[in-house]
Amino acid sequence: MRVVRTLSAVGAVATVAGICCAAPAVADQSWGINGTFLTSSNGEWAKVNSRYEDQPSERETWTISTQCISPTECTGTVQSDAGWSAPIYTTNSLWYVKRTVPNWRFCADGAAIEGFQEYKIYPVGSDGHYDGSAKEYTGVNRVIGPSGSCGRNQWPVIEMPFYMKPA
């Protein structure tokens, strides 16, 4: 009887030790966005201060590298062939890329203003709906300038539909 209790106690201690000292979970890279992607922002559907107005379309190639600790916690870097890099991260199943754009617009007097650019993207399936396993992404490319720039008490804002697919 005493041997059985001792073995049970040893087994319980081993079980607790195994739980407390288990190896940490390994990050699953399938949660992130990694690789080279072709991007497009459609200027034909651009909105300038919430009013449709044609703008030049943008096409770039991005190289994205991310690390994830869970499907909802990823961070990384975007390198664009346009010569800039910016952080990328995910929140609530949306991916964000944010950066400052120097000399974004020029006022009538020639003064340059910078813009704050934010890409908000999510994976999309062939039916146009959110699909967490998809390798193509859609969303919006939004740039906002400072209020009061160019003598106007208004933030200049340009929004364009955004699309990204593997290269």
C-alpha atoms as a PDB file:
ATOM      1  CA  MET A   1       0.000   0.000   0.000  1.00  0.00           C
ATOM      2  CA  ARG A   2       2.804   2.353   0.935  1.00  0.00           C
ATOM      3  CA  VAL A   3       4.575   1.691  -2.420  1.00  0.00           C
ATOM      4  CA  VAL A   4       1.408   2.527  -4.372  1.00  0.00           C
ATOM      5  CA  ARG A   5       1.010   5.872  -2.537  1.00  0.00           C
ATOM      6  CA  THR A   6       4.660   6.759  -3.089  1.00  0.00           C
ATOM      7  CA  LEU A   7       4.420   5.962  -6.799  1.00  0.00           C
ATOM      8  CA  SER A   8       1.203   8.006  -7.049  1.00  0.00           C
ATOM      9  CA  ALA A   9       2.877  10.964  -5.348  1.00  0.00           C
ATOM     10  CA  VAL A  10       5.893  10.709  -7.660  1.00  0.00           C
ATOM     11  CA  GLY A  11       3.560  10.551 -10.675  1.00  0.00           C
ATOM     12  CA  ALA A  12       1.652  13.625  -9.486  1.00  0.00           C
ATOM     13  CA  VAL A  13       4.868  15.603  -8.982  1.00  0.00           C
ATOM     14  CA  ALA A  14       6.099  14.559 -12.441  1.00  0.00           C
ATOM     15  CA  THR A  15       2.787  15.632 -13.966  1.00  0.00           C
ATOM     16  CA  VAL A  16       2.906  19.056 -12.264  1.00  0.00           C
ATOM     17  CA  ALA A  17       6.551  19.493 -13.272  1.00  0.00           C
ATOM     18  CA  GLY A  18       5.655  18.638 -16.855  1.00  0.00           C
ATOM     19  CA  ILE A  19       2.869  21.221 -16.906  1.00  0.00           C
ATOM     20  CA  CYS A  20       4.932  23.968 -15.323  1.00  0.00           C
ATOM     21  CA  CYS A  21       8.031  23.340 -17.364  1.00  0.00           C
ATOM     22  CA  ALA A  22       6.566  22.477 -20.759  1.00  0.00           C
ATOM     23  CA  ALA A  23       8.358  23.856 -23.801  1.00  0.00           C
ATOM     24  CA  PRO A  24       6.941  27.180 -25.039  1.00  0.00           C
ATOM     25  CA  ALA A  25       4.570  27.086 -27.998  1.00  0.00           C
ATOM     26  CA  VAL A  26       6.291  27.387 -31.359  1.00  0.00           C
ATOM     27  CA  ALA A  27       5.216  30.290 -33.565  1.00  0.00           C
ATOM     28  CA  ASP A  28       3.251  29.247 -36.626  1.00  0.00           C
ATOM     29  CA  GLN A  29       4.546  31.194 -39.629  1.00  0.00           C
ATOM     30  CA  SER A  30       1.379  30.384 -41.597  1.00  0.00           C
ATOM     31  CA  TRP A  31      -0.319  33.047 -39.462  1.00  0.00           C
ATOM     32  CA  GLY A  32       1.804  35.828 -40.935  1.00  0.00           C
ATOM     33  CA  ILE A  33       2.314  37.424 -44.314  1.00  0.00           C
ATOM     34  CA  ASN A  34       5.694  36.473 -45.772  1.00  0.00           C
ATOM     35  CA  GLY A  35       7.063  36.748 -49.290  1.00  0.00           C
ATOM     36  CA  THR A  36       6.962  39.057 -52.306  1.00  0.00           C
ATOM     37  CA  PHE A  37       3.673  40.620 -53.348  1.00  0.00           C
ATOM     38  CA  LEU A  38       2.394  42.798 -56.179  1.00  0.00           C
ATOM     39  CA  THR A  39       0.287  45.698 -54.895  1.00  0.00           C
ATOM     40  CA  SER A  40      -2.104  48.047 -56.594  1.00  0.00           C
ATOM     41  CA  SER A  41      -3.995  51.115 -55.374  1.00  0.00           C
ATOM     42  CA  ASN A  42      -6.756  52.014 -57.844  1.00  0.00           C
ATOM     43  CA  GLY A  43      -6.738  55.774 -58.488  1.00  0.00           C
ATOM     44  CA  GLU A  44      -9.837  55.564 -60.712  1.00  0.00           C
ATOM     45  CA  TRP A  45     -11.881  54.906 -57.550  1.00  0.00           C
ATOM     46  CA  ALA A  46     -10.036  57.390 -55.325  1.00  0.00           C
ATOM     47  CA  LYS A  47     -11.833  59.699 -52.943  1.00  0.00           C
ATOM     48  CA  VAL A  48     -10.408  63.100 -52.099  1.00  0.00           C
ATOM     49  CA  ASN A  49     -12.032  64.360 -48.882  1.00  0.00           C
ATOM     50  CA  SER A  50     -14.902  61.826 -49.369  1.00  0.00           C
ATOM     51  CA  ARG A  51     -15.575  62.920 -52.981  1.00  0.00           C
ATOM     52  CA  TYR A  52     -14.694  60.672 -55.926  1.00  0.00           C
ATOM     53  CA  GLU A  53     -11.838  62.184 -57.914  1.00  0.00           C
ATOM     54  CA  ASP A  54      -9.358  60.395 -60.184  1.00  0.00           C
ATOM     55  CA  GLN A  55      -5.855  60.153 -58.790  1.00  0.00           C
ATOM     56  CA  PRO A  56      -2.745  58.439 -60.140  1.00  0.00           C
ATOM     57  CA  SER A  57      -2.858  54.706 -59.454  1.00  0.00           C
ATOM     58  CA  GLU A  58       0.025  53.160 -57.537  1.00  0.00           C
ATOM     59  CA  ARG A  59       1.726  49.860 -58.334  1.00  0.00           C
ATOM     60  CA  GLU A  60       4.535  48.507 -56.202  1.00  0.00           C
ATOM     61  CA  THR A  61       6.238  45.258 -55.283  1.00  0.00           C
ATOM     62  CA  TRP A  62       6.430  44.596 -51.558  1.00  0.00           C
ATOM     63  CA  THR A  63       8.642  42.147 -49.712  1.00  0.00           C
ATOM     64  CA  ILE A  64       6.996  41.324 -46.397  1.00  0.00           C
ATOM     65  CA  SER A  65       8.503  39.529 -43.419  1.00  0.00           C
ATOM     66  CA  THR A  66       6.454  38.878 -40.267  1.00  0.00           C
ATOM     67  CA  GLN A  67       6.760  36.932 -37.028  1.00  0.00           C
ATOM     68  CA  CYS A  68       3.680  35.796 -35.098  1.00  0.00           C
ATOM     69  CA  ILE A  69       3.097  34.537 -31.580  1.00  0.00           C
ATOM     70  CA  SER A  70      -0.594  33.869 -32.282  1.00  0.00           C
ATOM     71  CA  PRO A  71      -3.012  34.336 -35.190  1.00  0.00           C
ATOM     72  CA  THR A  72      -3.899  37.783 -33.811  1.00  0.00           C
ATOM     73  CA  GLU A  73      -0.422  38.973 -32.769  1.00  0.00           C
ATOM     74  CA  CYS A  74       2.000  39.497 -35.635  1.00  0.00           C
ATOM     75  CA  THR A  75       4.583  42.168 -36.421  1.00  0.00           C
ATOM     76  CA  GLY A  76       7.098  42.641 -39.178  1.00  0.00           C
ATOM     77  CA  THR A  77       8.444  44.848 -41.942  1.00  0.00           C
ATOM     78  CA  VAL A  78       7.387  45.823 -45.460  1.00  0.00           C
ATOM     79  CA  GLN A  79      10.084  46.737 -48.012  1.00  0.00           C
ATOM     80  CA  SER A  80       8.722  48.464 -51.133  1.00  0.00           C
ATOM     81  CA  ASP A  81      10.461  48.683 -54.485  1.00  0.00           C
ATOM     82  CA  ALA A  82       9.424  52.378 -54.377  1.00  0.00           C
ATOM     83  CA  GLY A  83      12.251  52.918 -51.871  1.00  0.00           C
ATOM     84  CA  TRP A  84      10.528  52.909 -48.490  1.00  0.00           C
ATOM     85  CA  SER A  85      10.092  50.471 -45.616  1.00  0.00           C
ATOM     86  CA  ALA A  86       7.539  50.457 -42.814  1.00  0.00           C
ATOM     87  CA  PRO A  87       6.312  48.276 -39.972  1.00  0.00           C
ATOM     88  CA  ILE A  88       3.366  45.918 -40.476  1.00  0.00           C
ATOM     89  CA  TYR A  89       1.212  44.471 -37.707  1.00  0.00           C
ATOM     90  CA  THR A  90      -2.159  42.843 -37.175  1.00  0.00           C
ATOM     91  CA  THR A  91      -5.045  43.813 -34.897  1.00  0.00           C
ATOM     92  CA  ASN A  92      -8.507  42.206 -34.883  1.00  0.00           C
ATOM     93  CA  SER A  93      -7.803  40.263 -38.110  1.00  0.00           C
ATOM     94  CA  LEU A  94      -6.804  43.439 -39.992  1.00  0.00           C
ATOM     95  CA  TRP A  95      -3.252  44.161 -41.119  1.00  0.00           C
ATOM     96  CA  TYR A  96      -1.857  47.700 -40.899  1.00  0.00           C
ATOM     97  CA  VAL A  97       1.104  49.338 -42.607  1.00  0.00           C
ATOM     98  CA  LYS A  98       1.742  52.930 -41.485  1.00  0.00           C
ATOM     99  CA  ARG A  99       4.370  55.391 -42.644  1.00  0.00           C
ATOM    100  CA  THR A 100       5.130  59.075 -43.193  1.00  0.00           C
ATOM    101  CA  VAL A 101       5.258  60.270 -46.811  1.00  0.00           C
ATOM    102  CA  PRO A 102       7.626  63.262 -47.215  1.00  0.00           C
ATOM    103  CA  ASN A 103       6.668  65.833 -49.870  1.00  0.00           C
ATOM    104  CA  TRP A 104       3.278  64.173 -50.288  1.00  0.00           C
ATOM    105  CA  ARG A 105       1.517  67.245 -51.721  1.00  0.00           C
ATOM    106  CA  PHE A 106       2.577  70.719 -52.737  1.00  0.00           C
ATOM    107  CA  CYS A 107       0.649  73.903 -52.002  1.00  0.00           C
ATOM    108  CA  ALA A 108       0.057  76.643 -54.576  1.00  0.00           C
ATOM    109  CA  ASP A 109       3.019  78.567 -53.121  1.00  0.00           C
ATOM    110  CA  GLY A 110       5.284  75.533 -53.618  1.00  0.00           C
ATOM    111  CA  ALA A 111       5.431  74.541 -49.940  1.00  0.00           C
ATOM    112  CA  ALA A 112       5.609  70.785 -49.434  1.00  0.00           C
ATOM    113  CA  ILE A 113       3.456  68.980 -46.902  1.00  0.00           C
ATOM    114  CA  GLU A 114       3.979  65.463 -45.603  1.00  0.00           C
ATOM    115  CA  GLY A 115       1.272  62.854 -45.377  1.00  0.00           C
ATOM    116  CA  PHE A 116       0.577  59.995 -43.025  1.00  0.00           C
ATOM    117  CA  GLN A 117      -0.151  56.845 -45.056  1.00  0.00           C
ATOM    118  CA  GLU A 118      -2.063  53.892 -43.663  1.00  0.00           C
ATOM    119  CA  TYR A 119      -2.798  50.667 -45.487  1.00  0.00           C
ATOM    120  CA  LYS A 120      -5.569  48.642 -43.855  1.00  0.00           C
ATOM    121  CA  ILE A 121      -5.806  45.179 -45.432  1.00  0.00           C
ATOM    122  CA  TYR A 122      -7.319  41.743 -44.887  1.00  0.00           C
ATOM    123  CA  PRO A 123      -7.187  38.364 -46.677  1.00  0.00           C
ATOM    124  CA  VAL A 124      -9.943  37.907 -49.236  1.00  0.00           C
ATOM    125  CA  GLY A 125     -11.263  34.793 -50.973  1.00  0.00           C
ATOM    126  CA  SER A 126     -12.395  34.448 -54.579  1.00  0.00           C
ATOM    127  CA  ASP A 127     -15.946  35.345 -53.495  1.00  0.00           C
ATOM    128  CA  GLY A 128     -14.795  38.761 -52.240  1.00  0.00           C
ATOM    129  CA  HIS A 129     -15.333  37.947 -48.551  1.00  0.00           C
ATOM    130  CA  TYR A 130     -12.871  37.654 -45.679  1.00  0.00           C
ATOM    131  CA  ASP A 131     -10.948  34.363 -45.848  1.00  0.00           C
ATOM    132  CA  GLY A 132      -8.230  33.905 -43.226  1.00  0.00           C
ATOM    133  CA  SER A 133      -6.463  31.253 -45.315  1.00  0.00           C
ATOM    134  CA  ALA A 134      -6.381  33.305 -48.547  1.00  0.00           C
ATOM    135  CA  LYS A 135      -3.088  34.515 -50.018  1.00  0.00           C
ATOM    136  CA  GLU A 136      -4.626  37.612 -51.658  1.00  0.00           C
ATOM    137  CA  TYR A 137      -5.495  40.768 -49.742  1.00  0.00           C
ATOM    138  CA  THR A 138      -7.741  43.787 -50.214  1.00  0.00           C
ATOM    139  CA  GLY A 139      -8.424  46.927 -48.269  1.00  0.00           C
ATOM    140  CA  VAL A 140      -7.764  50.644 -48.429  1.00  0.00           C
ATOM    141  CA  ASN A 141      -4.761  52.917 -48.959  1.00  0.00           C
ATOM    142  CA  ARG A 142      -5.416  56.176 -47.058  1.00  0.00           C
ATOM    143  CA  VAL A 143      -3.162  59.222 -46.827  1.00  0.00           C
ATOM    144  CA  ILE A 144      -3.975  62.190 -44.613  1.00  0.00           C
ATOM    145  CA  GLY A 145      -2.192  65.539 -44.428  1.00  0.00           C
ATOM    146  CA  PRO A 146      -2.096  68.066 -41.608  1.00  0.00           C
ATOM    147  CA  SER A 147      -5.074  70.332 -40.990  1.00  0.00           C
ATOM    148  CA  GLY A 148      -4.283  73.905 -41.959  1.00  0.00           C
ATOM    149  CA  SER A 149      -1.886  72.883 -44.700  1.00  0.00           C
ATOM    150  CA  CYS A 150      -1.959  75.083 -47.788  1.00  0.00           C
ATOM    151  CA  GLY A 151      -4.050  77.647 -45.895  1.00  0.00           C
ATOM    152  CA  ARG A 152      -7.128  75.402 -45.564  1.00  0.00           C
ATOM    153  CA  ASN A 153      -8.639  74.461 -42.233  1.00  0.00           C
ATOM    154  CA  GLN A 154      -9.193  70.896 -43.383  1.00  0.00           C
ATOM    155  CA  TRP A 155      -7.183  67.687 -43.420  1.00  0.00           C
ATOM    156  CA  PRO A 156      -6.505  66.659 -46.997  1.00  0.00           C
ATOM    157  CA  VAL A 157      -7.406  62.955 -47.291  1.00  0.00           C
ATOM    158  CA  ILE A 158      -7.026  60.600 -50.250  1.00  0.00           C
ATOM    159  CA  GLU A 159      -8.418  57.046 -50.079  1.00  0.00           C
ATOM    160  CA  MET A 160      -8.041  54.387 -52.746  1.00  0.00           C
ATOM    161  CA  PRO A 161      -9.023  50.724 -52.943  1.00  0.00           C
ATOM    162  CA  PHE A 162      -6.017  48.463 -52.384  1.00  0.00           C
ATOM    163  CA  TYR A 163      -5.242  44.949 -53.665  1.00  0.00           C
ATOM    164  CA  MET A 164      -2.247  42.653 -53.043  1.00  0.00           C
ATOM    165  CA  LYS A 165      -1.371  39.225 -54.419  1.00  0.00           C
ATOM    166  CA  PRO A 166       1.713  36.985 -54.364  1.00  0.00           C
ATOM    167  CA  ALA A 167       4.284  37.840 -57.041  1.00  0.00           C
END
